[in-house]
N, C-alpha and C. Protein backbone atom coordinates (compact mmCIF):
# COMPACT_ATOMS: atom_id res chain seq x y z
N MET A 1 3.63 -1.37 -6.02
CA MET A 1 3.42 0.01 -5.67
C MET A 1 2.90 0.03 -4.23
N LEU A 2 3.39 0.95 -3.45
CA LEU A 2 2.99 1.04 -2.04
C LEU A 2 1.65 1.74 -1.87
N ASP A 3 0.97 1.40 -0.80
CA ASP A 3 -0.33 2.00 -0.52
C ASP A 3 -0.25 3.52 -0.41
N SER A 4 0.82 4.04 0.14
CA SER A 4 0.96 5.50 0.27
C SER A 4 1.09 6.17 -1.09
N ASP A 5 1.77 5.51 -2.03
CA ASP A 5 1.89 6.05 -3.40
C ASP A 5 0.53 6.05 -4.10
N LEU A 6 -0.22 4.97 -3.93
CA LEU A 6 -1.54 4.88 -4.54
C LEU A 6 -2.49 5.91 -3.94
N ALA A 7 -2.42 6.10 -2.64
CA ALA A 7 -3.27 7.09 -1.99
C ALA A 7 -2.98 8.48 -2.54
N CYS A 8 -1.72 8.79 -2.74
CA CYS A 8 -1.33 10.08 -3.33
C CYS A 8 -1.87 10.19 -4.75
N LEU A 9 -1.73 9.13 -5.52
CA LEU A 9 -2.21 9.11 -6.90
C LEU A 9 -3.71 9.33 -6.98
N TYR A 10 -4.47 8.69 -6.09
CA TYR A 10 -5.93 8.80 -6.07
C TYR A 10 -6.43 9.96 -5.22
N GLU A 11 -5.51 10.72 -4.65
CA GLU A 11 -5.81 11.90 -3.85
C GLU A 11 -6.73 11.58 -2.66
N VAL A 12 -6.35 10.52 -1.94
CA VAL A 12 -7.05 10.15 -0.71
C VAL A 12 -6.00 9.87 0.36
N GLU A 13 -6.43 9.79 1.61
CA GLU A 13 -5.51 9.42 2.68
C GLU A 13 -5.20 7.93 2.57
N THR A 14 -4.00 7.55 2.95
CA THR A 14 -3.61 6.14 2.93
C THR A 14 -4.57 5.32 3.78
N LYS A 15 -4.96 5.86 4.90
CA LYS A 15 -5.89 5.18 5.80
C LYS A 15 -7.20 4.85 5.07
N ARG A 16 -7.71 5.79 4.30
CA ARG A 16 -8.97 5.59 3.58
C ARG A 16 -8.82 4.56 2.47
N LEU A 17 -7.68 4.57 1.79
CA LEU A 17 -7.42 3.60 0.74
C LEU A 17 -7.41 2.19 1.33
N ASN A 18 -6.74 2.02 2.45
CA ASN A 18 -6.68 0.70 3.09
C ASN A 18 -8.05 0.27 3.63
N GLU A 19 -8.85 1.22 4.07
CA GLU A 19 -10.21 0.89 4.52
C GLU A 19 -11.04 0.36 3.36
N ALA A 20 -10.93 1.00 2.20
CA ALA A 20 -11.68 0.55 1.01
C ALA A 20 -11.26 -0.86 0.62
N GLU A 21 -9.97 -1.11 0.69
CA GLU A 21 -9.47 -2.45 0.36
C GLU A 21 -10.02 -3.48 1.35
N LYS A 22 -10.03 -3.16 2.63
CA LYS A 22 -10.52 -4.10 3.64
C LYS A 22 -12.02 -4.36 3.51
N ARG A 23 -12.78 -3.34 3.11
CA ARG A 23 -14.22 -3.52 2.92
C ARG A 23 -14.51 -4.48 1.76
N ASN A 24 -13.59 -4.57 0.82
CA ASN A 24 -13.79 -5.40 -0.37
C ASN A 24 -12.83 -6.58 -0.41
N ILE A 25 -12.37 -7.03 0.73
CA ILE A 25 -11.33 -8.06 0.81
C ILE A 25 -11.74 -9.36 0.12
N LYS A 26 -13.01 -9.71 0.14
CA LYS A 26 -13.46 -10.96 -0.50
C LYS A 26 -13.35 -10.90 -2.02
N ARG A 27 -13.37 -9.72 -2.58
CA ARG A 27 -13.24 -9.55 -4.02
C ARG A 27 -11.78 -9.45 -4.46
N PHE A 28 -10.90 -9.29 -3.51
CA PHE A 28 -9.49 -9.05 -3.78
C PHE A 28 -8.71 -10.36 -3.74
N PRO A 29 -8.18 -10.83 -4.87
CA PRO A 29 -7.37 -12.05 -4.85
C PRO A 29 -6.15 -11.89 -3.94
N VAL A 30 -5.79 -12.94 -3.25
CA VAL A 30 -4.72 -12.92 -2.25
C VAL A 30 -3.39 -12.48 -2.84
N ASP A 31 -3.10 -12.85 -4.07
CA ASP A 31 -1.79 -12.54 -4.65
C ASP A 31 -1.72 -11.17 -5.31
N PHE A 32 -2.71 -10.31 -5.11
CA PHE A 32 -2.69 -8.98 -5.69
C PHE A 32 -2.07 -7.93 -4.76
N MET A 33 -1.90 -8.28 -3.50
CA MET A 33 -1.28 -7.35 -2.55
C MET A 33 -0.72 -8.14 -1.38
N PHE A 34 0.21 -7.51 -0.66
CA PHE A 34 0.78 -8.14 0.52
C PHE A 34 1.30 -7.06 1.44
N ARG A 35 1.40 -7.39 2.71
CA ARG A 35 1.94 -6.44 3.69
C ARG A 35 3.44 -6.66 3.79
N LEU A 36 4.20 -5.58 3.75
CA LEU A 36 5.65 -5.68 3.87
C LEU A 36 6.04 -6.14 5.27
N THR A 37 7.10 -6.92 5.35
CA THR A 37 7.65 -7.28 6.66
C THR A 37 8.43 -6.08 7.20
N LYS A 38 8.80 -6.13 8.45
CA LYS A 38 9.57 -5.03 9.05
C LYS A 38 10.89 -4.83 8.30
N GLY A 39 11.57 -5.93 7.95
CA GLY A 39 12.83 -5.83 7.21
C GLY A 39 12.65 -5.23 5.83
N GLU A 40 11.62 -5.67 5.11
CA GLU A 40 11.33 -5.11 3.78
C GLU A 40 10.97 -3.64 3.88
N PHE A 41 10.16 -3.33 4.88
CA PHE A 41 9.73 -1.95 5.10
C PHE A 41 10.94 -1.04 5.34
N ASN A 42 11.85 -1.47 6.20
CA ASN A 42 13.04 -0.68 6.50
C ASN A 42 13.95 -0.53 5.27
N LYS A 43 14.08 -1.59 4.50
CA LYS A 43 14.92 -1.56 3.31
C LYS A 43 14.35 -0.59 2.27
N VAL A 44 13.05 -0.64 2.06
CA VAL A 44 12.41 0.26 1.10
C VAL A 44 12.55 1.71 1.57
N ALA A 45 12.31 1.96 2.84
CA ALA A 45 12.40 3.32 3.38
C ALA A 45 13.82 3.86 3.28
N ALA A 46 14.82 3.00 3.47
CA ALA A 46 16.21 3.44 3.42
C ALA A 46 16.70 3.69 1.99
N ASN A 47 16.21 2.89 1.05
CA ASN A 47 16.70 2.97 -0.33
C ASN A 47 15.97 3.97 -1.21
N CYS A 48 14.79 4.38 -0.81
CA CYS A 48 13.99 5.30 -1.62
C CYS A 48 13.86 6.63 -0.88
N GLY A 49 14.63 7.61 -1.30
CA GLY A 49 14.67 8.89 -0.61
C GLY A 49 13.33 9.56 -0.44
N TYR A 50 12.46 9.46 -1.44
CA TYR A 50 11.16 10.13 -1.34
C TYR A 50 10.23 9.43 -0.35
N LEU A 51 10.60 8.25 0.11
CA LEU A 51 9.78 7.51 1.07
C LEU A 51 10.27 7.62 2.50
N LYS A 52 11.18 8.52 2.76
CA LYS A 52 11.74 8.58 4.11
C LYS A 52 10.70 8.88 5.18
N ASN A 53 9.59 9.49 4.82
CA ASN A 53 8.54 9.78 5.81
C ASN A 53 7.78 8.53 6.26
N ILE A 54 7.83 7.46 5.47
CA ILE A 54 7.10 6.26 5.88
C ILE A 54 7.78 5.54 7.03
N LYS A 55 9.02 5.90 7.33
CA LYS A 55 9.72 5.28 8.46
C LYS A 55 8.96 5.44 9.76
N PHE A 56 8.17 6.48 9.84
CA PHE A 56 7.49 6.82 11.09
C PHE A 56 6.04 6.35 11.13
N ARG A 57 5.64 5.55 10.16
CA ARG A 57 4.28 5.00 10.16
C ARG A 57 4.15 3.97 11.28
N PRO A 58 3.00 3.94 11.94
CA PRO A 58 2.81 2.97 13.01
C PRO A 58 2.56 1.54 12.50
N THR A 59 2.17 1.40 11.24
CA THR A 59 1.90 0.08 10.66
C THR A 59 2.76 -0.14 9.42
N MET A 60 2.92 -1.39 9.05
CA MET A 60 3.67 -1.71 7.83
C MET A 60 2.81 -1.39 6.61
N SER A 61 3.46 -1.00 5.54
CA SER A 61 2.76 -0.66 4.30
C SER A 61 2.29 -1.90 3.57
N TYR A 62 1.27 -1.71 2.77
CA TYR A 62 0.85 -2.74 1.82
C TYR A 62 1.54 -2.44 0.50
N ALA A 63 1.90 -3.48 -0.21
CA ALA A 63 2.44 -3.35 -1.56
C ALA A 63 1.45 -4.02 -2.50
N PHE A 64 1.17 -3.39 -3.62
CA PHE A 64 0.20 -3.89 -4.58
C PHE A 64 0.90 -4.27 -5.87
N THR A 65 0.50 -5.39 -6.43
CA THR A 65 1.00 -5.80 -7.75
C THR A 65 0.28 -4.96 -8.80
N GLU A 66 0.70 -5.10 -10.03
CA GLU A 66 0.05 -4.36 -11.13
C GLU A 66 -1.44 -4.69 -11.19
N GLN A 67 -1.78 -5.97 -11.02
CA GLN A 67 -3.18 -6.37 -11.03
C GLN A 67 -3.92 -5.82 -9.82
N GLY A 68 -3.25 -5.72 -8.70
CA GLY A 68 -3.84 -5.17 -7.49
C GLY A 68 -4.17 -3.70 -7.65
N VAL A 69 -3.28 -2.96 -8.31
CA VAL A 69 -3.52 -1.53 -8.55
C VAL A 69 -4.75 -1.37 -9.43
N THR A 70 -4.84 -2.18 -10.46
CA THR A 70 -6.00 -2.13 -11.36
C THR A 70 -7.28 -2.49 -10.62
N MET A 71 -7.21 -3.52 -9.81
CA MET A 71 -8.38 -3.96 -9.05
C MET A 71 -8.81 -2.88 -8.05
N LEU A 72 -7.86 -2.28 -7.39
CA LEU A 72 -8.15 -1.25 -6.39
C LEU A 72 -8.80 -0.03 -7.01
N ARG A 73 -8.44 0.26 -8.22
CA ARG A 73 -8.95 1.44 -8.90
C ARG A 73 -10.47 1.38 -9.03
N ARG A 74 -11.03 0.20 -9.07
CA ARG A 74 -12.48 0.06 -9.23
C ARG A 74 -13.25 0.43 -7.97
N TYR A 75 -12.56 0.55 -6.83
CA TYR A 75 -13.27 0.81 -5.57
C TYR A 75 -13.14 2.20 -5.15
């Protein structure tokens, strides 16, 4: 699940969600999230119509695994 989707779900700005994750990075296992590469980012933006607005983000999105979503929810 992308950081922008989670931010919408939790009713916060994507920027704030990523800040919370960074503040708790030591508690976050490495394999629970990853940053998309430019190629992955472009492919996701092109294939998912509802994500067309992310094409204009200045940074690459984070993608969270199921465990990462659960872990993030605690913060």
